[in-house]
Amino acid sequence: MDFSSPPPGGKMDSATRDQLMSQVKQQIALANAQELLQKMSEKCYKKCISKPGTTLDNSEQKCIAMCMDRYMDTWNLVSRVYAQRLQRESNKMG
C-alpha cells in the first residue's frame, strides 16, 4: 500500500484508515518489543556477567534468568499502570 500520496479525492475511507492504524499499531508493538529485549539484555548482562567468556556458569545463568523475569514483571506493571492512567485521562476529557 502506498501512503506517500493521498487517495483519489483526498479522503481516506474507513477500511483504509483502519488498515493503516492496524499497521501503525503493529509497528509500534514491534518497536516496543525490540526496545524491551535490547534494554533487558544490556541491563542483565551488566548485572550478571562479571567475566565474559564463551560459556555462562551456573550462577550467571541463574542471575540472567532472575534478572529477565524481574525486568519483564516490572515492564508489564509499568505498561499496565500507564495504560490505566491513559484511560483515566481520556475518560476525564470525554
C-alpha atoms as a PDB file:
ATOM      1  CA  MET A   1       0.000   0.000   0.000  1.00  0.00           C
ATOM      2  CA  ASP A   2       1.331   3.442  -0.944  1.00  0.00           C
ATOM      3  CA  PHE A   3       0.935   6.012   1.844  1.00  0.00           C
ATOM      4  CA  SER A   4       3.054   8.695   0.201  1.00  0.00           C
ATOM      5  CA  SER A   5       0.151  10.343  -1.589  1.00  0.00           C
ATOM      6  CA  PRO A   6      -3.468  10.849  -0.565  1.00  0.00           C
ATOM      7  CA  PRO A   7      -6.104   8.608  -2.124  1.00  0.00           C
ATOM      8  CA  PRO A   8      -8.211   9.949  -5.012  1.00  0.00           C
ATOM      9  CA  GLY A   9     -10.493  12.708  -3.800  1.00  0.00           C
ATOM     10  CA  GLY A  10      -8.186  13.463  -0.883  1.00  0.00           C
ATOM     11  CA  LYS A  11     -10.154  11.415   1.647  1.00  0.00           C
ATOM     12  CA  MET A  12      -9.366   8.040   3.154  1.00  0.00           C
ATOM     13  CA  ASP A  13     -12.217   5.566   3.596  1.00  0.00           C
ATOM     14  CA  SER A  14     -12.702   3.893   6.974  1.00  0.00           C
ATOM     15  CA  ALA A  15     -11.389   0.487   5.819  1.00  0.00           C
ATOM     16  CA  THR A  16      -8.145   2.052   4.590  1.00  0.00           C
ATOM     17  CA  ARG A  17      -7.843   4.130   7.754  1.00  0.00           C
ATOM     18  CA  ASP A  18      -8.447   1.042   9.930  1.00  0.00           C
ATOM     19  CA  GLN A  19      -5.856  -0.924   7.960  1.00  0.00           C
ATOM     20  CA  LEU A  20      -3.334   1.908   8.318  1.00  0.00           C
ATOM     21  CA  MET A  21      -3.992   2.211  12.061  1.00  0.00           C
ATOM     22  CA  SER A  22      -3.560  -1.550  12.452  1.00  0.00           C
ATOM     23  CA  GLN A  23      -0.210  -1.429  10.639  1.00  0.00           C
ATOM     24  CA  VAL A  24       0.970   1.504  12.756  1.00  0.00           C
ATOM     25  CA  LYS A  25      -0.023  -0.308  15.972  1.00  0.00           C
ATOM     26  CA  GLN A  26       1.849  -3.425  14.825  1.00  0.00           C
ATOM     27  CA  GLN A  27       4.968  -1.374  14.060  1.00  0.00           C
ATOM     28  CA  ILE A  28       4.790   0.329  17.470  1.00  0.00           C
ATOM     29  CA  ALA A  29       4.353  -3.037  19.224  1.00  0.00           C
ATOM     30  CA  LEU A  30       7.350  -4.452  17.343  1.00  0.00           C
ATOM     31  CA  ALA A  31       9.493  -1.421  18.197  1.00  0.00           C
ATOM     32  CA  ASN A  32       8.482  -1.718  21.869  1.00  0.00           C
ATOM     33  CA  ALA A  33       9.350  -5.431  21.920  1.00  0.00           C
ATOM     34  CA  GLN A  34      12.732  -4.752  20.311  1.00  0.00           C
ATOM     35  CA  GLU A  35      13.462  -1.991  22.828  1.00  0.00           C
ATOM     36  CA  LEU A  36      12.437  -4.255  25.707  1.00  0.00           C
ATOM     37  CA  LEU A  37      14.769  -7.032  24.553  1.00  0.00           C
ATOM     38  CA  GLN A  38      17.659  -4.644  23.972  1.00  0.00           C
ATOM     39  CA  LYS A  39      17.330  -2.900  27.357  1.00  0.00           C
ATOM     40  CA  MET A  40      16.781  -6.166  29.200  1.00  0.00           C
ATOM     41  CA  SER A  41      19.840  -7.718  27.564  1.00  0.00           C
ATOM     42  CA  GLU A  42      22.031  -4.713  28.351  1.00  0.00           C
ATOM     43  CA  LYS A  43      20.933  -4.370  31.970  1.00  0.00           C
ATOM     44  CA  CYS A  44      21.032  -8.090  32.799  1.00  0.00           C
ATOM     45  CA  TYR A  45      24.382  -8.566  31.054  1.00  0.00           C
ATOM     46  CA  LYS A  46      25.932  -5.727  33.064  1.00  0.00           C
ATOM     47  CA  LYS A  47      24.433  -7.039  36.288  1.00  0.00           C
ATOM     48  CA  CYS A  48      25.196 -10.756  35.859  1.00  0.00           C
ATOM     49  CA  ILE A  49      28.293 -11.209  33.693  1.00  0.00           C
ATOM     50  CA  SER A  50      31.446 -10.200  35.510  1.00  0.00           C
ATOM     51  CA  LYS A  51      33.951 -12.042  33.294  1.00  0.00           C
ATOM     52  CA  PRO A  52      32.707 -12.512  29.715  1.00  0.00           C
ATOM     53  CA  GLY A  53      33.702 -15.797  28.125  1.00  0.00           C
ATOM     54  CA  THR A  54      32.458 -18.428  25.728  1.00  0.00           C
ATOM     55  CA  THR A  55      30.037 -20.006  28.238  1.00  0.00           C
ATOM     56  CA  LEU A  56      27.934 -18.956  31.209  1.00  0.00           C
ATOM     57  CA  ASP A  57      28.494 -20.642  34.533  1.00  0.00           C
ATOM     58  CA  ASN A  58      25.574 -21.823  36.643  1.00  0.00           C
ATOM     59  CA  SER A  59      25.388 -18.686  38.789  1.00  0.00           C
ATOM     60  CA  GLU A  60      25.428 -16.417  35.703  1.00  0.00           C
ATOM     61  CA  GLN A  61      22.622 -18.451  34.104  1.00  0.00           C
ATOM     62  CA  LYS A  62      20.504 -18.184  37.265  1.00  0.00           C
ATOM     63  CA  CYS A  63      21.252 -14.465  37.602  1.00  0.00           C
ATOM     64  CA  ILE A  64      20.251 -13.769  33.995  1.00  0.00           C
ATOM     65  CA  ALA A  65      17.044 -15.808  34.301  1.00  0.00           C
ATOM     66  CA  MET A  66      16.035 -13.999  37.503  1.00  0.00           C
ATOM     67  CA  CYS A  67      17.030 -10.600  36.111  1.00  0.00           C
ATOM     68  CA  MET A  68      14.993 -11.134  32.941  1.00  0.00           C
ATOM     69  CA  ASP A  69      11.979 -12.314  34.949  1.00  0.00           C
ATOM     70  CA  ARG A  70      12.134  -9.238  37.194  1.00  0.00           C
ATOM     71  CA  TYR A  71      12.633  -6.938  34.214  1.00  0.00           C
ATOM     72  CA  MET A  72       9.602  -8.431  32.415  1.00  0.00           C
ATOM     73  CA  ASP A  73       7.446  -8.215  35.551  1.00  0.00           C
ATOM     74  CA  THR A  74       8.417  -4.577  36.008  1.00  0.00           C
ATOM     75  CA  TRP A  75       7.852  -3.765  32.323  1.00  0.00           C
ATOM     76  CA  ASN A  76       4.387  -5.358  32.476  1.00  0.00           C
ATOM     77  CA  LEU A  77       3.474  -3.499  35.669  1.00  0.00           C
ATOM     78  CA  VAL A  78       4.587  -0.141  34.293  1.00  0.00           C
ATOM     79  CA  SER A  79       2.764  -0.783  30.993  1.00  0.00           C
ATOM     80  CA  ARG A  80      -0.444  -1.753  32.799  1.00  0.00           C
ATOM     81  CA  VAL A  81      -0.367   1.291  35.106  1.00  0.00           C
ATOM     82  CA  TYR A  82       0.444   3.584  32.171  1.00  0.00           C
ATOM     83  CA  ALA A  83      -2.476   2.200  30.140  1.00  0.00           C
ATOM     84  CA  GLN A  84      -4.824   2.677  33.126  1.00  0.00           C
ATOM     85  CA  ARG A  85      -3.632   6.244  33.555  1.00  0.00           C
ATOM     86  CA  LEU A  86      -4.168   6.996  29.859  1.00  0.00           C
ATOM     87  CA  GLN A  87      -7.664   5.520  30.124  1.00  0.00           C
ATOM     88  CA  ARG A  88      -8.480   7.677  33.173  1.00  0.00           C
ATOM     89  CA  GLU A  89      -7.171  10.790  31.414  1.00  0.00           C
ATOM     90  CA  SER A  90      -9.174  10.083  28.268  1.00  0.00           C
ATOM     91  CA  ASN A  91     -12.319   9.500  30.381  1.00  0.00           C
ATOM     92  CA  LYS A  92     -11.803  12.895  32.069  1.00  0.00           C
ATOM     93  CA  MET A  93     -11.540  14.599  28.693  1.00  0.00           C
ATOM     94  CA  GLY A  94     -14.577  12.856  27.197  1.00  0.00           C
END
